[in-house]
Amino acid sequence: MTVDHIRYDLLAQEALRSVVRRVLTDVAKTGLPGDHHFFISFDTRAPGVRLSQRMLEKYPEEMTIVLQHQFWDLIVTETSFEVGLSFGGIPERLLVPFTALKGFFDPAVKFGLQFETLTADADGEETDDAPLETPVSANGAASNAPTPLKPAPGAASEPALASAASAAEGAEKPAGGAQVVQLDVFRNKK
């Protein structure tokens, strides 16, 4: 088997992360246009992620935030974004490096991106190590998100996007706070 010394997989992931960076930069300057809003999942254990101890204890591996009605002070740099959100009525400030992203979804137009989290196993092989969690809203109630779909390699991801849209539309929205859900539809089960 031929070894990919160029690492096209990493270059593609970097290019997709730049799409999210560009979108968030535009939103930071002009606000959310139309009905656009974003579900952004990230690895809470990734280097550079900054969130309160309370949130880290509640979401020790993965967290999904929603940028829609109640967020403030969005700051975007080349390497990360920082945003203020309310969780259960308590304001929090998050800093998320783009390298920590696991998923980005805009339900208004059914557009989504999934990012790979790759680590080397004992044999030096790269594997996807992120475990799946039960979807949860900001008030701690379980969500009825659909079972994730695993498309065949190279297959179009439209069914996963449709499932993510259903999860986004059916997710519980707590009063007075930002919605937080784990969107398992961005993850591939093995």
N, C-alpha and C. Protein backbone atom coordinates (compact mmCIF):
# COMPACT_ATOMS: atom_id res chain seq x y z
N MET A 1 0.84 -1.18 0.00
CA MET A 1 0.00 0.00 0.00
C MET A 1 0.89 1.25 0.00
N THR A 2 0.55 2.23 -0.78
CA THR A 2 1.32 3.46 -0.90
C THR A 2 1.10 4.35 0.31
N VAL A 3 2.17 4.94 0.82
CA VAL A 3 2.09 5.83 1.97
C VAL A 3 1.85 7.25 1.48
N ASP A 4 0.90 7.93 2.08
CA ASP A 4 0.58 9.32 1.73
C ASP A 4 1.50 10.25 2.52
N HIS A 5 2.62 10.62 1.94
CA HIS A 5 3.58 11.50 2.61
C HIS A 5 3.11 12.95 2.61
N ILE A 6 2.19 13.28 1.73
CA ILE A 6 1.67 14.65 1.66
C ILE A 6 0.61 14.88 2.74
N ARG A 7 -0.08 13.83 3.14
CA ARG A 7 -1.14 13.87 4.15
C ARG A 7 -2.33 14.71 3.68
N TYR A 8 -2.92 14.28 2.59
CA TYR A 8 -4.09 14.95 2.04
C TYR A 8 -5.23 15.00 3.05
N ASP A 9 -5.34 13.96 3.88
CA ASP A 9 -6.41 13.94 4.87
C ASP A 9 -6.29 15.13 5.84
N LEU A 10 -5.09 15.42 6.29
CA LEU A 10 -4.88 16.54 7.21
C LEU A 10 -5.07 17.88 6.51
N LEU A 11 -4.63 17.97 5.26
CA LEU A 11 -4.82 19.20 4.49
C LEU A 11 -6.31 19.49 4.28
N ALA A 12 -7.09 18.45 4.00
CA ALA A 12 -8.53 18.63 3.80
C ALA A 12 -9.21 19.07 5.09
N GLN A 13 -8.83 18.46 6.22
CA GLN A 13 -9.40 18.86 7.51
C GLN A 13 -9.07 20.33 7.81
N GLU A 14 -7.86 20.73 7.54
CA GLU A 14 -7.45 22.11 7.76
C GLU A 14 -8.27 23.07 6.89
N ALA A 15 -8.51 22.70 5.64
CA ALA A 15 -9.30 23.53 4.74
C ALA A 15 -10.75 23.66 5.23
N LEU A 16 -11.31 22.56 5.72
CA LEU A 16 -12.68 22.60 6.24
C LEU A 16 -12.77 23.46 7.50
N ARG A 17 -11.76 23.39 8.35
CA ARG A 17 -11.74 24.24 9.55
C ARG A 17 -11.68 25.72 9.16
N SER A 18 -11.00 26.02 8.05
CA SER A 18 -10.94 27.42 7.61
C SER A 18 -12.31 27.92 7.15
N VAL A 19 -13.19 27.03 6.69
CA VAL A 19 -14.56 27.42 6.36
C VAL A 19 -15.27 27.91 7.62
N VAL A 20 -15.14 27.15 8.70
CA VAL A 20 -15.77 27.53 9.97
C VAL A 20 -15.18 28.85 10.46
N ARG A 21 -13.86 29.00 10.38
CA ARG A 21 -13.20 30.24 10.81
C ARG A 21 -13.75 31.44 10.04
N ARG A 22 -13.90 31.28 8.72
CA ARG A 22 -14.41 32.37 7.88
C ARG A 22 -15.85 32.73 8.25
N VAL A 23 -16.69 31.72 8.44
CA VAL A 23 -18.09 31.96 8.80
C VAL A 23 -18.18 32.68 10.14
N LEU A 24 -17.44 32.20 11.13
CA LEU A 24 -17.48 32.83 12.46
C LEU A 24 -16.90 34.25 12.43
N THR A 25 -15.88 34.48 11.61
CA THR A 25 -15.32 35.82 11.47
C THR A 25 -16.38 36.77 10.92
N ASP A 26 -17.11 36.34 9.91
CA ASP A 26 -18.18 37.17 9.33
C ASP A 26 -19.27 37.44 10.36
N VAL A 27 -19.66 36.42 11.13
CA VAL A 27 -20.70 36.58 12.16
C VAL A 27 -20.23 37.53 13.25
N ALA A 28 -18.96 37.45 13.62
CA ALA A 28 -18.42 38.36 14.64
C ALA A 28 -18.50 39.82 14.18
N LYS A 29 -18.35 40.04 12.87
CA LYS A 29 -18.37 41.41 12.32
C LYS A 29 -19.79 41.92 12.11
N THR A 30 -20.68 41.06 11.56
CA THR A 30 -21.99 41.55 11.12
C THR A 30 -23.19 40.87 11.77
N GLY A 31 -22.97 39.86 12.59
CA GLY A 31 -24.08 39.14 13.21
C GLY A 31 -24.55 37.99 12.32
N LEU A 32 -25.49 37.22 12.84
CA LEU A 32 -26.02 36.07 12.09
C LEU A 32 -27.00 36.57 11.02
N PRO A 33 -26.78 36.19 9.76
CA PRO A 33 -27.70 36.60 8.70
C PRO A 33 -28.91 35.67 8.62
N GLY A 34 -30.08 36.23 8.37
CA GLY A 34 -31.28 35.42 8.17
C GLY A 34 -31.54 34.47 9.32
N ASP A 35 -31.88 33.22 8.96
CA ASP A 35 -32.18 32.19 9.96
C ASP A 35 -30.97 31.33 10.31
N HIS A 36 -29.79 31.70 9.82
CA HIS A 36 -28.59 30.90 10.09
C HIS A 36 -28.31 30.85 11.59
N HIS A 37 -27.92 29.68 12.05
CA HIS A 37 -27.41 29.47 13.41
C HIS A 37 -26.58 28.20 13.37
N PHE A 38 -25.74 28.01 14.39
CA PHE A 38 -24.74 26.96 14.30
C PHE A 38 -24.71 26.05 15.53
N PHE A 39 -24.58 24.77 15.26
CA PHE A 39 -24.27 23.77 16.28
C PHE A 39 -22.78 23.47 16.09
N ILE A 40 -21.98 23.71 17.11
CA ILE A 40 -20.54 23.50 17.01
C ILE A 40 -20.11 22.51 18.09
N SER A 41 -19.62 21.33 17.68
CA SER A 41 -19.14 20.33 18.63
C SER A 41 -17.63 20.39 18.69
N PHE A 42 -17.11 20.16 19.91
CA PHE A 42 -15.66 20.17 20.07
C PHE A 42 -15.26 19.25 21.20
N ASP A 43 -13.99 18.86 21.15
CA ASP A 43 -13.39 17.98 22.15
C ASP A 43 -12.97 18.85 23.33
N THR A 44 -13.60 18.66 24.48
CA THR A 44 -13.28 19.48 25.65
C THR A 44 -11.91 19.16 26.23
N ARG A 45 -11.32 18.02 25.83
CA ARG A 45 -10.00 17.62 26.33
C ARG A 45 -8.87 18.11 25.43
N ALA A 46 -9.20 18.71 24.31
CA ALA A 46 -8.17 19.12 23.34
C ALA A 46 -7.30 20.24 23.92
N PRO A 47 -6.02 20.25 23.54
CA PRO A 47 -5.12 21.31 24.01
C PRO A 47 -5.65 22.69 23.62
N GLY A 48 -5.62 23.61 24.57
CA GLY A 48 -6.04 24.98 24.30
C GLY A 48 -7.50 25.29 24.59
N VAL A 49 -8.33 24.27 24.78
CA VAL A 49 -9.74 24.52 25.10
C VAL A 49 -9.80 25.13 26.50
N ARG A 50 -10.57 26.20 26.63
CA ARG A 50 -10.72 26.85 27.94
C ARG A 50 -12.20 26.98 28.27
N LEU A 51 -12.62 26.32 29.34
CA LEU A 51 -13.97 26.43 29.85
C LEU A 51 -13.93 26.22 31.35
N SER A 52 -15.01 26.62 32.03
CA SER A 52 -15.02 26.55 33.49
C SER A 52 -14.93 25.10 33.96
N GLN A 53 -14.48 24.94 35.18
CA GLN A 53 -14.39 23.60 35.78
C GLN A 53 -15.76 22.95 35.82
N ARG A 54 -16.79 23.75 36.09
CA ARG A 54 -18.18 23.24 36.14
C ARG A 54 -18.57 22.63 34.80
N MET A 55 -18.25 23.31 33.71
CA MET A 55 -18.62 22.81 32.39
C MET A 55 -17.75 21.60 32.01
N LEU A 56 -16.48 21.63 32.39
CA LEU A 56 -15.60 20.51 32.10
C LEU A 56 -16.05 19.25 32.83
N GLU A 57 -16.53 19.41 34.05
CA GLU A 57 -17.05 18.26 34.80
C GLU A 57 -18.33 17.72 34.16
N LYS A 58 -19.15 18.62 33.64
CA LYS A 58 -20.41 18.21 33.02
C LYS A 58 -20.18 17.59 31.63
N TYR A 59 -19.17 18.08 30.92
CA TYR A 59 -18.86 17.61 29.57
C TYR A 59 -17.38 17.25 29.51
N PRO A 60 -16.99 16.12 30.08
CA PRO A 60 -15.56 15.79 30.19
C PRO A 60 -14.90 15.38 28.87
N GLU A 61 -15.67 15.09 27.84
CA GLU A 61 -15.06 14.64 26.58
C GLU A 61 -15.48 15.48 25.38
N GLU A 62 -16.76 15.72 25.24
CA GLU A 62 -17.25 16.43 24.07
C GLU A 62 -18.41 17.33 24.46
N MET A 63 -18.52 18.46 23.79
CA MET A 63 -19.59 19.41 24.06
C MET A 63 -20.03 20.01 22.75
N THR A 64 -21.31 20.32 22.65
CA THR A 64 -21.84 21.01 21.48
C THR A 64 -22.52 22.28 21.96
N ILE A 65 -22.13 23.39 21.37
CA ILE A 65 -22.75 24.67 21.71
C ILE A 65 -23.59 25.13 20.53
N VAL A 66 -24.54 26.01 20.79
CA VAL A 66 -25.38 26.56 19.75
C VAL A 66 -25.21 28.07 19.75
N LEU A 67 -24.83 28.61 18.61
CA LEU A 67 -24.76 30.05 18.45
C LEU A 67 -26.00 30.46 17.68
N GLN A 68 -26.96 31.04 18.41
CA GLN A 68 -28.21 31.43 17.79
C GLN A 68 -28.70 32.75 18.38
N HIS A 69 -29.46 32.70 19.47
CA HIS A 69 -30.05 33.92 20.02
C HIS A 69 -29.23 34.54 21.14
N GLN A 70 -28.68 33.72 22.02
CA GLN A 70 -28.05 34.25 23.22
C GLN A 70 -26.57 33.88 23.28
N PHE A 71 -25.77 34.65 22.57
CA PHE A 71 -24.32 34.56 22.67
C PHE A 71 -23.79 35.97 22.53
N TRP A 72 -22.59 36.21 23.03
CA TRP A 72 -22.05 37.56 23.00
C TRP A 72 -20.52 37.51 22.91
N ASP A 73 -19.97 38.66 22.54
CA ASP A 73 -18.52 38.85 22.47
C ASP A 73 -17.81 37.73 21.72
N LEU A 74 -18.29 37.43 20.52
CA LEU A 74 -17.61 36.43 19.68
C LEU A 74 -16.33 37.05 19.13
N ILE A 75 -15.21 36.42 19.46
CA ILE A 75 -13.90 36.86 18.99
C ILE A 75 -13.27 35.69 18.24
N VAL A 76 -12.85 35.96 17.00
CA VAL A 76 -12.26 34.91 16.16
C VAL A 76 -10.84 35.30 15.80
N THR A 77 -9.90 34.36 16.01
CA THR A 77 -8.51 34.56 15.62
C THR A 77 -8.16 33.49 14.58
N GLU A 78 -6.93 33.48 14.13
CA GLU A 78 -6.48 32.46 13.18
C GLU A 78 -6.57 31.06 13.76
N THR A 79 -6.40 30.92 15.07
CA THR A 79 -6.30 29.59 15.67
C THR A 79 -7.49 29.18 16.52
N SER A 80 -8.37 30.13 16.90
CA SER A 80 -9.44 29.78 17.83
C SER A 80 -10.58 30.79 17.77
N PHE A 81 -11.66 30.46 18.49
CA PHE A 81 -12.72 31.44 18.71
C PHE A 81 -13.08 31.44 20.18
N GLU A 82 -13.57 32.58 20.62
CA GLU A 82 -13.97 32.76 22.02
C GLU A 82 -15.37 33.35 21.99
N VAL A 83 -16.22 32.88 22.91
CA VAL A 83 -17.60 33.34 22.90
C VAL A 83 -18.19 33.26 24.31
N GLY A 84 -19.12 34.15 24.59
CA GLY A 84 -19.87 34.11 25.84
C GLY A 84 -21.22 33.46 25.59
N LEU A 85 -21.59 32.53 26.48
CA LEU A 85 -22.86 31.83 26.40
C LEU A 85 -23.44 31.68 27.80
N SER A 86 -24.72 31.39 27.88
CA SER A 86 -25.36 31.15 29.17
C SER A 86 -25.75 29.69 29.25
N PHE A 87 -25.39 29.02 30.36
CA PHE A 87 -25.72 27.62 30.58
C PHE A 87 -26.53 27.52 31.85
N GLY A 88 -27.82 27.21 31.72
CA GLY A 88 -28.68 27.14 32.89
C GLY A 88 -28.75 28.47 33.61
N GLY A 89 -28.71 29.58 32.87
CA GLY A 89 -28.78 30.90 33.47
C GLY A 89 -27.46 31.43 34.00
N ILE A 90 -26.39 30.65 33.87
CA ILE A 90 -25.07 31.08 34.36
C ILE A 90 -24.20 31.44 33.16
N PRO A 91 -23.74 32.71 33.08
CA PRO A 91 -22.89 33.09 31.96
C PRO A 91 -21.52 32.42 32.04
N GLU A 92 -21.04 31.99 30.89
CA GLU A 92 -19.73 31.33 30.78
C GLU A 92 -19.00 31.90 29.58
N ARG A 93 -17.68 31.83 29.62
CA ARG A 93 -16.84 32.24 28.49
C ARG A 93 -16.06 31.01 28.05
N LEU A 94 -16.12 30.68 26.76
CA LEU A 94 -15.43 29.52 26.20
C LEU A 94 -14.39 29.96 25.19
N LEU A 95 -13.27 29.27 25.17
CA LEU A 95 -12.27 29.46 24.13
C LEU A 95 -12.05 28.09 23.49
N VAL A 96 -12.23 28.03 22.17
CA VAL A 96 -12.14 26.76 21.45
C VAL A 96 -11.18 26.89 20.27
N PRO A 97 -10.06 26.19 20.32
CA PRO A 97 -9.17 26.16 19.15
C PRO A 97 -9.86 25.44 17.99
N PHE A 98 -9.61 25.88 16.78
CA PHE A 98 -10.23 25.22 15.62
C PHE A 98 -9.79 23.77 15.51
N THR A 99 -8.62 23.43 16.04
CA THR A 99 -8.15 22.04 15.99
C THR A 99 -8.98 21.13 16.90
N ALA A 100 -9.76 21.70 17.83
CA ALA A 100 -10.60 20.90 18.73
C ALA A 100 -11.97 20.60 18.12
N LEU A 101 -12.30 21.22 16.99
CA LEU A 101 -13.62 21.03 16.38
C LEU A 101 -13.86 19.58 15.98
N LYS A 102 -15.09 19.13 16.22
CA LYS A 102 -15.50 17.80 15.79
C LYS A 102 -16.64 17.88 14.80
N GLY A 103 -17.45 18.94 14.88
CA GLY A 103 -18.56 19.07 13.96
C GLY A 103 -19.07 20.50 13.92
N PHE A 104 -19.63 20.86 12.78
CA PHE A 104 -20.23 22.18 12.56
C PHE A 104 -21.47 21.94 11.73
N PHE A 105 -22.62 22.48 12.17
CA PHE A 105 -23.86 22.27 11.43
C PHE A 105 -24.71 23.53 11.47
N ASP A 106 -25.22 23.94 10.31
CA ASP A 106 -26.14 25.07 10.20
C ASP A 106 -27.48 24.51 9.74
N PRO A 107 -28.42 24.32 10.69
CA PRO A 107 -29.72 23.72 10.34
C PRO A 107 -30.54 24.55 9.38
N ALA A 108 -30.30 25.86 9.31
CA ALA A 108 -31.09 26.72 8.42
C ALA A 108 -30.94 26.31 6.96
N VAL A 109 -29.78 25.79 6.60
CA VAL A 109 -29.52 25.39 5.22
C VAL A 109 -29.08 23.94 5.11
N LYS A 110 -29.18 23.21 6.23
CA LYS A 110 -28.79 21.79 6.29
C LYS A 110 -27.36 21.58 5.78
N PHE A 111 -26.45 22.44 6.24
CA PHE A 111 -25.04 22.33 5.88
C PHE A 111 -24.27 21.86 7.09
N GLY A 112 -23.44 20.83 6.91
CA GLY A 112 -22.66 20.33 8.03
C GLY A 112 -21.28 19.88 7.61
N LEU A 113 -20.36 19.97 8.56
CA LEU A 113 -19.00 19.48 8.38
C LEU A 113 -18.66 18.59 9.56
N GLN A 114 -17.97 17.50 9.29
CA GLN A 114 -17.51 16.61 10.34
C GLN A 114 -16.00 16.59 10.29
N PHE A 115 -15.38 16.69 11.47
CA PHE A 115 -13.94 16.71 11.55
C PHE A 115 -13.45 15.45 12.23
N GLU A 116 -12.37 14.90 11.75
CA GLU A 116 -11.79 13.70 12.33
C GLU A 116 -10.91 14.07 13.50
N THR A 117 -10.98 13.25 14.54
CA THR A 117 -10.07 13.37 15.67
C THR A 117 -9.18 12.14 15.58
N LEU A 118 -7.96 12.33 15.15
CA LEU A 118 -7.07 11.20 14.92
C LEU A 118 -5.98 11.15 15.98
N THR A 119 -5.72 9.94 16.47
CA THR A 119 -4.61 9.70 17.39
C THR A 119 -3.93 8.42 16.93
N ALA A 120 -2.72 8.21 17.36
CA ALA A 120 -2.01 6.98 17.01
C ALA A 120 -2.24 5.94 18.09
N ASP A 121 -2.56 4.70 17.67
CA ASP A 121 -2.73 3.62 18.65
C ASP A 121 -1.36 2.99 18.92
N ALA A 122 -1.36 1.90 19.67
CA ALA A 122 -0.10 1.25 20.07
C ALA A 122 0.73 0.78 18.88
N ASP A 123 0.06 0.48 17.76
CA ASP A 123 0.77 0.01 16.57
C ASP A 123 1.18 1.15 15.65
N GLY A 124 0.90 2.41 16.06
CA GLY A 124 1.23 3.55 15.22
C GLY A 124 0.17 3.84 14.18
N GLU A 125 -0.93 3.07 14.18
CA GLU A 125 -2.01 3.29 13.23
C GLU A 125 -2.89 4.43 13.75
N GLU A 126 -3.38 5.27 12.84
CA GLU A 126 -4.27 6.33 13.25
C GLU A 126 -5.67 5.79 13.42
N THR A 127 -6.30 6.18 14.54
CA THR A 127 -7.66 5.74 14.82
C THR A 127 -8.48 6.92 15.30
N ASP A 128 -9.79 6.79 15.14
CA ASP A 128 -10.72 7.79 15.65
C ASP A 128 -11.04 7.38 17.08
N ASP A 129 -10.62 8.19 18.06
CA ASP A 129 -10.73 7.78 19.45
C ASP A 129 -11.84 8.44 20.23
N ALA A 130 -12.64 9.29 19.63
CA ALA A 130 -13.65 10.01 20.39
C ALA A 130 -14.86 9.14 20.67
N PRO A 131 -15.21 8.93 21.97
CA PRO A 131 -16.37 8.13 22.31
C PRO A 131 -17.66 8.92 22.10
N LEU A 132 -18.75 8.21 21.94
CA LEU A 132 -20.05 8.85 21.79
C LEU A 132 -20.67 9.06 23.16
N GLU A 133 -21.47 10.12 23.30
CA GLU A 133 -22.14 10.40 24.55
C GLU A 133 -23.62 10.59 24.29
N THR A 134 -24.42 10.52 25.35
CA THR A 134 -25.85 10.75 25.24
C THR A 134 -26.10 12.22 25.00
N PRO A 135 -26.97 12.57 24.05
CA PRO A 135 -27.27 13.99 23.82
C PRO A 135 -27.87 14.60 25.08
N VAL A 136 -27.44 15.83 25.40
CA VAL A 136 -27.91 16.51 26.60
C VAL A 136 -28.14 17.97 26.28
N SER A 137 -29.20 18.55 26.84
CA SER A 137 -29.45 19.98 26.67
C SER A 137 -28.83 20.73 27.83
N ALA A 138 -28.85 22.06 27.79
CA ALA A 138 -28.20 22.88 28.81
C ALA A 138 -28.78 22.66 30.19
N ASN A 139 -30.05 22.24 30.27
CA ASN A 139 -30.64 22.02 31.59
C ASN A 139 -30.45 20.59 32.07
N GLY A 140 -29.66 19.78 31.34
CA GLY A 140 -29.31 18.44 31.78
C GLY A 140 -30.27 17.36 31.33
N ALA A 141 -31.34 17.70 30.62
CA ALA A 141 -32.31 16.69 30.18
C ALA A 141 -31.78 15.97 28.95
N ALA A 142 -32.06 14.69 28.87
CA ALA A 142 -31.62 13.91 27.70
C ALA A 142 -32.39 14.35 26.48
N SER A 143 -31.72 14.37 25.35
CA SER A 143 -32.35 14.73 24.08
C SER A 143 -32.71 13.46 23.33
N ASN A 144 -33.66 13.56 22.43
CA ASN A 144 -34.06 12.40 21.62
C ASN A 144 -33.40 12.46 20.26
N ALA A 145 -32.10 12.64 20.23
CA ALA A 145 -31.38 12.70 18.96
C ALA A 145 -31.40 11.33 18.30
N PRO A 146 -31.46 11.30 16.97
CA PRO A 146 -31.49 10.02 16.27
C PRO A 146 -30.17 9.27 16.38
N THR A 147 -30.23 7.98 16.15
CA THR A 147 -29.02 7.17 16.12
C THR A 147 -28.17 7.63 14.97
N PRO A 148 -26.86 7.80 15.18
CA PRO A 148 -26.01 8.27 14.10
C PRO A 148 -25.96 7.28 12.94
N LEU A 149 -25.82 7.84 11.75
CA LEU A 149 -25.69 7.02 10.55
C LEU A 149 -24.22 6.90 10.20
N LYS A 150 -23.83 5.77 9.67
CA LYS A 150 -22.45 5.60 9.22
C LYS A 150 -22.48 5.38 7.72
N PRO A 151 -22.19 6.45 6.94
CA PRO A 151 -22.19 6.27 5.50
C PRO A 151 -20.99 5.42 5.08
N ALA A 152 -21.15 4.76 3.97
CA ALA A 152 -20.05 3.97 3.42
C ALA A 152 -18.92 4.91 3.02
N PRO A 153 -17.67 4.45 3.07
CA PRO A 153 -16.57 5.32 2.67
C PRO A 153 -16.80 5.90 1.28
N GLY A 154 -16.67 7.22 1.18
CA GLY A 154 -16.86 7.90 -0.09
C GLY A 154 -18.30 8.19 -0.43
N ALA A 155 -19.24 7.74 0.41
CA ALA A 155 -20.66 7.98 0.12
C ALA A 155 -21.02 9.41 0.51
N ALA A 156 -22.06 9.93 -0.13
CA ALA A 156 -22.54 11.26 0.21
C ALA A 156 -23.07 11.26 1.63
N SER A 157 -22.92 12.39 2.32
CA SER A 157 -23.33 12.44 3.72
C SER A 157 -24.70 13.08 3.90
N GLU A 158 -25.49 13.20 2.88
CA GLU A 158 -26.79 13.83 2.97
C GLU A 158 -27.70 13.19 4.02
N PRO A 159 -27.77 11.84 4.16
CA PRO A 159 -28.62 11.28 5.22
C PRO A 159 -28.19 11.75 6.61
N ALA A 160 -26.90 11.86 6.85
CA ALA A 160 -26.43 12.32 8.15
C ALA A 160 -26.84 13.77 8.38
N LEU A 161 -26.77 14.58 7.33
CA LEU A 161 -27.19 15.97 7.48
C LEU A 161 -28.68 16.06 7.75
N ALA A 162 -29.47 15.24 7.10
CA ALA A 162 -30.91 15.26 7.35
C ALA A 162 -31.19 14.84 8.78
N SER A 163 -30.48 13.84 9.29
CA SER A 163 -30.66 13.41 10.67
C SER A 163 -30.24 14.49 11.64
N ALA A 164 -29.16 15.19 11.31
CA ALA A 164 -28.71 16.27 12.18
C ALA A 164 -29.73 17.39 12.21
N ALA A 165 -30.35 17.65 11.05
CA ALA A 165 -31.38 18.69 11.01
C ALA A 165 -32.55 18.28 11.89
N SER A 166 -32.96 17.02 11.83
CA SER A 166 -34.05 16.55 12.68
C SER A 166 -33.69 16.68 14.15
N ALA A 167 -32.46 16.36 14.49
CA ALA A 167 -32.02 16.48 15.89
C ALA A 167 -32.05 17.93 16.32
N ALA A 168 -31.60 18.81 15.42
CA ALA A 168 -31.56 20.23 15.76
C ALA A 168 -32.96 20.78 15.94
N GLU A 169 -33.89 20.39 15.07
CA GLU A 169 -35.25 20.90 15.17
C GLU A 169 -35.99 20.31 16.36
N GLY A 170 -35.68 19.07 16.74
CA GLY A 170 -36.41 18.43 17.83
C GLY A 170 -35.75 18.57 19.18
N ALA A 171 -34.58 19.20 19.25
CA ALA A 171 -33.87 19.31 20.52
C ALA A 171 -34.59 20.25 21.47
N GLU A 172 -34.53 19.94 22.73
CA GLU A 172 -35.16 20.74 23.76
C GLU A 172 -34.43 22.07 23.89
N LYS A 173 -35.18 23.16 23.99
CA LYS A 173 -34.57 24.47 24.16
C LYS A 173 -34.94 25.00 25.54
N PRO A 174 -33.97 25.06 26.46
CA PRO A 174 -34.27 25.57 27.79
C PRO A 174 -34.56 27.06 27.75
N ALA A 175 -35.43 27.52 28.63
CA ALA A 175 -35.77 28.93 28.70
C ALA A 175 -34.61 29.71 29.28
N GLY A 176 -34.30 30.84 28.66
CA GLY A 176 -33.32 31.76 29.21
C GLY A 176 -31.87 31.35 29.07
N GLY A 177 -31.55 30.35 28.28
CA GLY A 177 -30.16 29.94 28.17
C GLY A 177 -29.84 29.41 26.81
N ALA A 178 -28.57 29.26 26.54
CA ALA A 178 -28.14 28.70 25.26
C ALA A 178 -28.42 27.21 25.26
N GLN A 179 -28.74 26.69 24.11
CA GLN A 179 -29.01 25.27 23.98
C GLN A 179 -27.69 24.53 23.80
N VAL A 180 -27.52 23.46 24.56
CA VAL A 180 -26.31 22.65 24.46
C VAL A 180 -26.74 21.21 24.24
N VAL A 181 -26.31 20.64 23.13
CA VAL A 181 -26.67 19.26 22.82
C VAL A 181 -25.45 18.54 22.28
N GLN A 182 -25.35 17.27 22.56
CA GLN A 182 -24.33 16.44 21.94
C GLN A 182 -24.94 15.93 20.65
N LEU A 183 -24.38 16.26 19.52
CA LEU A 183 -24.91 15.81 18.24
C LEU A 183 -24.13 14.60 17.77
N ASP A 184 -24.63 13.42 18.14
CA ASP A 184 -23.96 12.19 17.75
C ASP A 184 -24.02 11.94 16.26
N VAL A 185 -24.89 12.65 15.54
CA VAL A 185 -24.98 12.42 14.10
C VAL A 185 -23.72 12.84 13.38
N PHE A 186 -22.83 13.58 14.06
CA PHE A 186 -21.57 13.95 13.44
C PHE A 186 -20.52 12.86 13.62
N ARG A 187 -20.79 11.86 14.40
CA ARG A 187 -19.81 10.83 14.73
C ARG A 187 -20.11 9.55 13.96
N ASN A 188 -19.11 8.86 13.55
CA ASN A 188 -19.25 7.56 12.91
C ASN A 188 -19.07 6.48 13.96
N LYS A 189 -20.00 5.54 14.07
CA LYS A 189 -19.83 4.41 14.96
C LYS A 189 -19.00 3.36 14.25
N LYS A 190 -18.18 2.66 15.02
CA LYS A 190 -17.36 1.58 14.42
C LYS A 190 -17.92 0.25 14.82
